[in-house]
N, C-alpha and C. Protein backbone atom coordinates (compact mmCIF):
# COMPACT_ATOMS: atom_id res chain seq x y z
N MET A 1 -153.29 -217.12 126.28
CA MET A 1 -153.29 -216.25 127.65
C MET A 1 -152.00 -217.55 128.05
N GLU A 2 -150.28 -216.98 128.80
CA GLU A 2 -149.85 -217.48 129.57
C GLU A 2 -150.33 -217.31 130.89
N LEU A 3 -150.21 -218.54 131.28
CA LEU A 3 -150.78 -218.84 133.53
C LEU A 3 -149.25 -218.34 133.69
N LYS A 4 -149.53 -219.18 134.42
CA LYS A 4 -148.12 -218.82 136.15
C LYS A 4 -148.45 -218.41 137.14
N VAL A 5 -147.69 -219.76 138.17
CA VAL A 5 -147.89 -219.18 139.68
C VAL A 5 -147.73 -218.04 140.81
N GLY A 6 -148.63 -217.39 140.89
CA GLY A 6 -149.11 -216.58 141.75
C GLY A 6 -149.93 -215.18 140.99
N ASP A 7 -150.38 -215.58 139.31
CA ASP A 7 -151.56 -215.09 138.82
C ASP A 7 -152.69 -215.10 140.00
N ARG A 8 -153.05 -213.64 139.52
CA ARG A 8 -155.07 -213.74 140.32
C ARG A 8 -155.34 -214.14 138.72
N ILE A 9 -156.69 -214.73 139.47
CA ILE A 9 -157.70 -215.65 137.59
C ILE A 9 -159.66 -215.45 138.48
N THR A 10 -159.72 -215.11 137.31
CA THR A 10 -161.86 -215.22 137.93
C THR A 10 -162.10 -216.01 136.40
N TRP A 11 -163.11 -216.28 136.94
CA TRP A 11 -163.10 -218.01 135.86
C TRP A 11 -164.79 -217.78 136.11
N LYS A 12 -165.94 -218.05 135.21
CA LYS A 12 -167.26 -219.10 135.06
C LYS A 12 -167.35 -220.46 135.37
N SER A 13 -167.89 -220.44 136.66
CA SER A 13 -168.76 -221.47 136.71
C SER A 13 -169.83 -221.93 136.26
N ALA A 14 -170.34 -223.63 137.15
CA ALA A 14 -171.60 -223.66 137.82
C ALA A 14 -171.53 -222.95 139.37
N ALA A 15 -171.42 -222.46 140.07
CA ALA A 15 -170.70 -222.14 141.17
C ALA A 15 -170.53 -220.92 141.19
N GLY A 16 -171.49 -220.53 139.95
CA GLY A 16 -171.21 -219.59 139.17
C GLY A 16 -169.36 -218.38 139.04
N GLN A 17 -168.65 -216.61 139.18
CA GLN A 17 -168.61 -216.26 139.12
C GLN A 17 -167.26 -216.34 140.22
N LEU A 18 -165.76 -217.29 140.18
CA LEU A 18 -164.71 -217.33 141.24
C LEU A 18 -163.54 -216.29 140.88
N ALA A 19 -163.56 -216.28 142.02
CA ALA A 19 -161.51 -216.21 141.88
C ALA A 19 -160.57 -216.56 142.29
N GLY A 20 -159.25 -216.44 142.35
CA GLY A 20 -158.51 -217.26 142.68
C GLY A 20 -157.19 -216.82 142.64
N ILE A 21 -156.57 -217.67 143.31
CA ILE A 21 -155.29 -217.63 143.13
C ILE A 21 -154.65 -218.84 142.73
N ILE A 22 -153.90 -218.34 141.31
CA ILE A 22 -152.96 -219.70 140.54
C ILE A 22 -151.57 -220.25 141.83
N TYR A 23 -151.27 -221.43 142.26
CA TYR A 23 -150.65 -221.81 143.21
C TYR A 23 -149.55 -222.80 143.15
N ASN A 24 -150.52 -223.52 141.95
CA ASN A 24 -149.80 -224.77 140.80
C ASN A 24 -149.58 -225.55 139.75
N ILE A 25 -148.53 -225.42 138.73
CA ILE A 25 -149.49 -225.41 137.58
C ILE A 25 -148.82 -227.01 136.93
N SER A 26 -149.01 -228.25 136.84
CA SER A 26 -148.48 -229.63 136.58
C SER A 26 -148.59 -230.24 135.32
N LEU A 27 -148.40 -231.12 135.19
CA LEU A 27 -148.10 -231.13 133.47
C LEU A 27 -148.72 -233.45 133.53
N SER A 28 -149.55 -233.78 133.53
CA SER A 28 -150.14 -235.60 133.65
C SER A 28 -150.57 -236.06 132.22
N ASN A 29 -150.66 -237.01 132.35
CA ASN A 29 -151.53 -238.01 131.59
C ASN A 29 -152.96 -237.60 131.59
N ASN A 30 -153.56 -237.51 130.59
CA ASN A 30 -155.29 -237.90 131.12
C ASN A 30 -155.57 -239.07 130.44
N ALA A 31 -156.96 -239.30 130.56
CA ALA A 31 -157.14 -240.70 129.96
C ALA A 31 -157.50 -241.23 128.63
N LYS A 32 -156.78 -240.46 128.13
CA LYS A 32 -155.39 -240.30 126.54
C LYS A 32 -154.18 -240.93 126.53
N HIS A 33 -153.87 -240.66 127.89
CA HIS A 33 -152.72 -240.63 128.19
C HIS A 33 -151.74 -239.56 127.25
N GLU A 34 -152.71 -238.79 126.58
CA GLU A 34 -152.21 -237.56 126.70
C GLU A 34 -151.77 -236.23 127.79
N ILE A 35 -150.10 -235.68 127.75
CA ILE A 35 -150.02 -234.34 128.37
C ILE A 35 -150.21 -233.89 128.62
N THR A 36 -151.47 -233.62 129.22
CA THR A 36 -152.46 -232.36 129.84
C THR A 36 -151.86 -231.58 130.43
N ALA A 37 -151.83 -230.27 130.65
CA ALA A 37 -151.76 -229.51 132.31
C ALA A 37 -152.65 -229.05 132.81
N TRP A 38 -152.70 -229.09 134.55
CA TRP A 38 -153.41 -229.41 135.96
C TRP A 38 -153.13 -227.44 136.08
N ILE A 39 -154.33 -226.61 136.09
CA ILE A 39 -153.81 -225.41 137.00
C ILE A 39 -154.84 -225.41 138.48
N ASP A 40 -153.61 -225.14 139.49
CA ASP A 40 -153.98 -225.70 141.10
C ASP A 40 -154.71 -223.64 141.38
N ILE A 41 -156.21 -223.71 142.32
CA ILE A 41 -156.37 -222.54 143.23
C ILE A 41 -156.71 -221.99 143.86
N SER A 42 -156.45 -221.34 144.53
CA SER A 42 -156.62 -221.09 146.16
C SER A 42 -157.32 -220.37 146.50
N LEU A 43 -158.71 -220.73 146.91
CA LEU A 43 -159.88 -219.91 146.99
C LEU A 43 -160.34 -219.55 148.61
N GLY A 44 -158.84 -219.06 149.11
CA GLY A 44 -159.13 -219.48 150.22
C GLY A 44 -158.09 -220.45 150.71
N LYS A 45 -159.09 -221.30 151.84
CA LYS A 45 -158.78 -222.55 152.09
C LYS A 45 -160.16 -223.32 151.76
N ARG A 46 -160.26 -223.86 151.00
CA ARG A 46 -160.93 -224.27 149.48
C ARG A 46 -159.65 -224.25 148.49
N GLY A 47 -159.65 -225.81 147.61
CA GLY A 47 -158.46 -225.50 146.42
C GLY A 47 -159.61 -225.69 145.39
N VAL A 48 -159.35 -225.20 143.87
CA VAL A 48 -159.66 -226.01 142.43
C VAL A 48 -158.69 -226.30 141.87
N ARG A 49 -158.98 -227.51 141.54
CA ARG A 49 -157.85 -228.05 139.92
C ARG A 49 -158.76 -227.87 138.66
N LEU A 50 -157.78 -226.70 137.87
CA LEU A 50 -159.06 -227.08 136.29
C LEU A 50 -158.05 -227.29 134.93
N CYS A 51 -158.92 -228.08 134.75
CA CYS A 51 -158.26 -228.80 133.50
C CYS A 51 -157.52 -227.54 132.92
N GLY A 52 -156.45 -227.36 132.59
CA GLY A 52 -155.60 -226.17 130.88
C GLY A 52 -154.98 -226.16 130.19
N ASN A 53 -155.82 -226.97 129.59
CA ASN A 53 -155.76 -226.84 127.69
C ASN A 53 -157.40 -225.89 127.23
N HIS A 54 -155.72 -225.31 126.13
CA HIS A 54 -157.67 -223.36 125.43
C HIS A 54 -158.96 -223.57 125.37
N GLY A 55 -159.72 -224.71 125.00
CA GLY A 55 -161.06 -224.72 124.86
C GLY A 55 -161.79 -225.17 126.19
N ASN A 56 -160.59 -225.48 127.36
CA ASN A 56 -161.43 -225.33 128.57
C ASN A 56 -160.61 -223.88 128.84
N LEU A 57 -160.14 -223.55 128.88
CA LEU A 57 -160.10 -221.69 129.95
C LEU A 57 -161.43 -221.72 128.56
N VAL A 58 -161.63 -221.13 127.44
CA VAL A 58 -161.75 -221.01 126.92
C VAL A 58 -163.14 -220.75 127.02
N MET A 59 -163.89 -221.88 127.73
CA MET A 59 -164.60 -222.28 127.72
C MET A 59 -165.20 -222.19 129.51
N MET A 60 -164.89 -221.17 130.40
CA MET A 60 -164.50 -221.14 131.00
C MET A 60 -164.74 -219.87 131.86
N GLN A 61 -164.64 -218.61 130.57
CA GLN A 61 -163.49 -217.56 130.34
C GLN A 61 -163.11 -216.79 131.49
N VAL A 62 -161.89 -217.88 131.58
CA VAL A 62 -160.58 -217.98 132.96
C VAL A 62 -159.52 -216.11 132.22
N GLU A 63 -160.20 -216.01 132.95
CA GLU A 63 -158.48 -214.11 133.16
C GLU A 63 -157.96 -213.75 133.73
N LYS A 64 -157.33 -212.69 133.63
CA LYS A 64 -156.35 -212.30 134.65
C LYS A 64 -156.76 -211.39 134.94
N ILE A 65 -156.83 -211.14 136.32
CA ILE A 65 -157.72 -210.17 137.08
C ILE A 65 -156.38 -208.98 137.99
């Protein structure tokens, strides 16, 4: 799945089904010094950051809406 800034997405988490708008995508090293994509999502006044690797996105059932 191709995600880009401005996309509206939904995903499942411990807090339930959430939805937000991607406002930033960045690349940085993880603890293993591997390049990892991070997706910043606006939830109104709050924001969250999701790890953008394929396995994590599938597990959280991320979908564009």
